[in-house]
Protein backbone atom coordinates (compact mmCIF):
# COMPACT_ATOMS: atom_id res chain seq x y z
CA MET A 1 100.86 121.43 118.73
CA ARG A 2 100.10 123.98 116.02
CA PHE A 3 102.12 124.70 112.92
CA SER A 4 101.99 127.81 110.82
CA ILE A 5 101.10 127.48 107.15
CA SER A 6 104.66 128.55 106.38
CA THR A 7 106.12 125.75 108.52
CA MET A 8 103.78 123.17 106.97
CA LYS A 9 104.73 124.36 103.47
CA LYS A 10 108.41 123.94 104.29
CA PHE A 11 107.78 120.43 105.63
CA VAL A 12 105.81 119.39 102.53
CA ILE A 13 108.48 120.78 100.21
CA LEU A 14 111.29 119.01 102.10
CA SER A 15 109.30 115.76 102.22
CA ALA A 16 108.48 116.02 98.53
CA LEU A 17 112.13 116.61 97.68
CA TRP A 18 112.98 113.52 99.70
CA LEU A 19 110.42 111.63 97.58
CA GLY A 20 111.96 113.01 94.39
CA VAL A 21 109.04 115.21 93.40
CA SER A 22 108.30 118.91 93.66
CA VAL A 23 105.12 120.35 95.06
CA ALA A 24 103.72 123.87 94.72
CA LEU A 25 101.82 124.99 97.82
CA ALA A 26 99.54 127.83 96.80
CA THR A 27 96.46 126.10 98.32
CA PRO A 28 95.96 123.25 100.83
CA THR A 29 95.32 120.67 98.08
CA VAL A 30 97.69 121.29 95.20
CA ALA A 31 98.85 119.55 92.06
CA SER A 32 102.20 120.31 90.50
CA GLN A 33 104.52 119.05 87.80
CA ALA A 34 107.91 117.79 88.93
CA SER A 35 110.99 117.79 86.76
CA THR A 36 110.61 114.01 86.69
CA GLY A 37 107.18 114.44 85.12
CA ILE A 38 105.29 113.11 88.14
CA GLN A 39 102.18 115.04 89.14
CA VAL A 40 101.32 114.87 92.83
CA GLU A 41 98.28 116.12 94.69
CA VAL A 42 98.79 116.56 98.42
CA LEU A 43 95.65 115.24 100.10
CA GLY A 44 96.93 115.65 103.64
CA VAL A 45 99.88 116.56 105.87
CA TYR A 46 99.75 115.07 109.36
CA PHE A 47 101.79 115.39 112.54
CA THR A 48 101.51 113.52 115.84
CA PRO A 49 100.86 114.12 118.63
CA PRO A 50 98.40 115.63 119.56
CA THR A 51 96.04 115.07 116.66
CA ASP A 52 94.43 111.73 115.89
CA ALA A 53 96.29 111.46 112.61
CA ALA A 54 95.73 107.71 112.42
CA ALA A 55 92.07 108.49 111.66
CA ALA A 56 93.19 109.85 108.28
CA ILE A 57 94.84 106.51 107.49
CA VAL A 58 91.71 104.63 108.58
CA GLN A 59 89.60 106.91 106.38
CA ALA A 60 91.84 106.30 103.37
CA ILE A 61 91.65 102.53 103.87
CA ASP A 62 87.89 102.69 104.37
CA GLY A 63 87.67 104.51 101.02
CA SER A 64 89.69 101.87 99.17
CA GLU A 65 87.99 100.04 96.34
CA HIS A 66 90.47 97.58 94.78
CA GLU A 67 93.80 97.19 96.55
CA VAL A 68 95.71 98.17 99.70
CA LEU A 69 99.42 97.35 99.93
CA VAL A 70 101.08 97.90 103.30
CA GLN A 71 104.78 97.95 104.09
CA ALA A 72 105.59 98.59 107.72
CA TYR A 73 108.29 98.23 110.31
CA GLY A 74 106.02 98.54 113.32
CA PHE A 75 102.30 97.77 113.23
CA THR A 76 100.36 97.69 116.50
CA HIS A 77 97.53 100.15 115.80
CA ASN A 78 94.25 98.25 116.14
CA ALA A 79 92.04 100.80 114.31
CA ILE A 80 94.30 100.66 111.25
CA ALA A 81 94.34 96.85 111.40
CA GLN A 82 90.54 96.74 111.70
CA ALA A 83 90.21 99.09 108.68
CA LEU A 84 92.32 96.61 106.68
CA VAL A 85 90.05 93.77 107.80
CA ARG A 86 86.95 95.75 106.73
CA ALA A 87 88.54 96.47 103.35
CA HIS A 88 89.35 92.77 102.91
CA GLN A 89 85.76 91.85 103.82
CA ARG A 90 84.52 94.28 101.13
CA GLY A 91 86.57 92.39 98.55
CA VAL A 92 89.55 94.74 98.44
CA ALA A 93 92.86 92.92 97.87
CA VAL A 94 94.86 93.61 101.04
CA ARG A 95 98.48 92.48 101.40
CA VAL A 96 100.73 93.39 104.31
CA LEU A 97 104.53 93.20 104.45
CA LEU A 98 106.17 93.61 107.87
CA ASP A 99 109.73 93.65 109.14
CA LYS A 100 110.64 90.13 110.28
CA LYS A 101 112.62 91.33 113.28
CA SER A 102 109.65 93.23 114.68
CA GLN A 103 107.55 90.05 114.73
CA THR A 104 107.21 90.04 118.53
CA SER A 105 105.95 93.62 118.80
CA ASN A 106 103.67 93.18 115.76
CA GLY A 107 102.22 89.89 117.07
CA TYR A 108 98.75 91.18 117.94
CA VAL A 109 98.14 92.80 114.54
CA MET A 110 99.65 89.79 112.76
CA GLY A 111 97.08 87.64 114.57
CA VAL A 112 94.21 89.95 113.59
CA LEU A 113 95.29 89.92 109.95
CA ALA A 114 95.91 86.17 109.85
CA HIS A 115 92.52 85.48 111.44
CA ALA A 116 90.90 87.59 108.69
CA GLN A 117 92.91 85.61 106.11
CA ILE A 118 94.76 88.69 104.86
CA GLU A 119 97.96 87.88 102.97
CA LEU A 120 100.92 88.61 105.21
CA ARG A 121 104.65 88.27 104.66
CA GLN A 122 107.73 89.25 106.62
CA ASP A 123 110.79 90.91 105.13
CA GLY A 124 113.97 89.66 106.79
CA LYS A 125 116.40 90.41 103.96
CA HIS A 126 117.52 93.80 105.31
CA ALA A 127 119.04 95.03 108.56
CA ILE A 128 115.64 96.63 109.10
CA ALA A 129 112.68 96.77 106.72
CA HIS A 130 112.01 100.31 107.89
CA ASN A 131 109.46 101.44 105.29
CA LYS A 132 106.18 102.96 106.40
CA VAL A 133 104.09 102.96 103.24
CA MET A 134 100.60 102.25 102.02
CA VAL A 135 99.62 102.20 98.36
CA ILE A 136 95.86 102.39 97.88
CA ASP A 137 94.06 101.66 94.60
CA GLU A 138 97.25 102.36 92.62
CA ALA A 139 96.58 106.06 93.13
CA ILE A 140 97.20 107.08 96.76
CA VAL A 141 100.48 106.84 98.69
CA ILE A 142 100.72 107.27 102.45
CA THR A 143 104.29 107.66 103.65
CA GLY A 144 106.38 109.39 106.29
CA SER A 145 108.04 108.62 109.62
CA PHE A 146 104.74 107.36 111.07
CA ASN A 147 104.89 103.68 112.02
CA PHE A 148 101.40 102.18 112.13
CA THR A 149 101.63 101.93 115.91
CA ASN A 150 99.86 103.18 119.01
CA SER A 151 103.06 104.96 120.07
CA ALA A 152 103.29 106.82 116.76
CA ALA A 153 99.69 107.95 117.14
CA SER A 154 99.86 109.03 120.77
CA ARG A 155 103.41 109.55 122.07
CA ASN A 156 106.00 109.94 119.33
CA ALA A 157 106.73 112.99 117.21
CA GLU A 158 105.78 111.63 113.78
CA ASN A 159 104.54 112.76 110.40
CA PHE A 160 103.06 111.41 107.22
CA LEU A 161 101.76 112.61 103.88
CA VAL A 162 98.77 111.39 101.93
CA LEU A 163 99.59 111.88 98.25
CA LYS A 164 97.52 111.24 95.14
CA SER A 165 99.38 110.32 91.98
CA ASP A 166 99.01 107.28 89.74
CA GLU A 167 102.66 107.56 88.69
CA LEU A 168 104.01 107.92 92.21
CA ALA A 169 101.79 105.07 93.41
CA GLN A 170 103.16 102.89 90.61
CA LYS A 171 106.74 103.62 91.70
CA TYR A 172 105.91 102.73 95.30
CA LYS A 173 103.99 99.63 94.20
CA LEU A 174 107.00 98.44 92.21
CA GLN A 175 109.24 98.79 95.27
CA TRP A 176 106.61 97.08 97.41
CA GLN A 177 106.50 94.17 94.92
CA ASN A 178 110.31 93.86 95.02
CA HIS A 179 110.20 93.43 98.80
CA TRP A 180 107.12 91.18 98.71
CA ALA A 181 108.98 88.86 96.33
CA HIS A 182 111.65 88.09 98.96
CA GLY A 183 109.28 88.21 101.92
CA VAL A 184 108.39 84.97 103.70
CA GLU A 185 105.01 83.81 104.98
């Protein structure tokens, strides 16, 4: 599936508005100043299928140096799980928060993470903990409709953005911490 630059610009603008920031799209990688004062650099805009968009998430995790925070509803994608394990083995602090009700479908990845001794909690406080977010090194945010699942990577119509902004990452990290605080092991 191909998208025109115009269509991709519209998607990024609508997604950015949903995030509460504005983005100028003169070039593929752009920084802009939002009315809220948050500067955001768009590192990537991804759609599935047909592309192997999950590879961009793996690459971002593989590039992590200090911390990876994950908040996910569905998580069955082995390559993403293995990237988290590699990061943990490099000394990166990796913590994963999953929806409690999706425990059965997330069982395999939960086992992989537990075996690697990665901190894992489940959020059962909400009807659904439907976030799909990664915060990497307090600077990069990955977010969109993309669950970290095999179906999202190969069958579903999904999207996600890779955004660079210390301020935006801090906002997402704060929300992640709020949910982590009521998550259970």
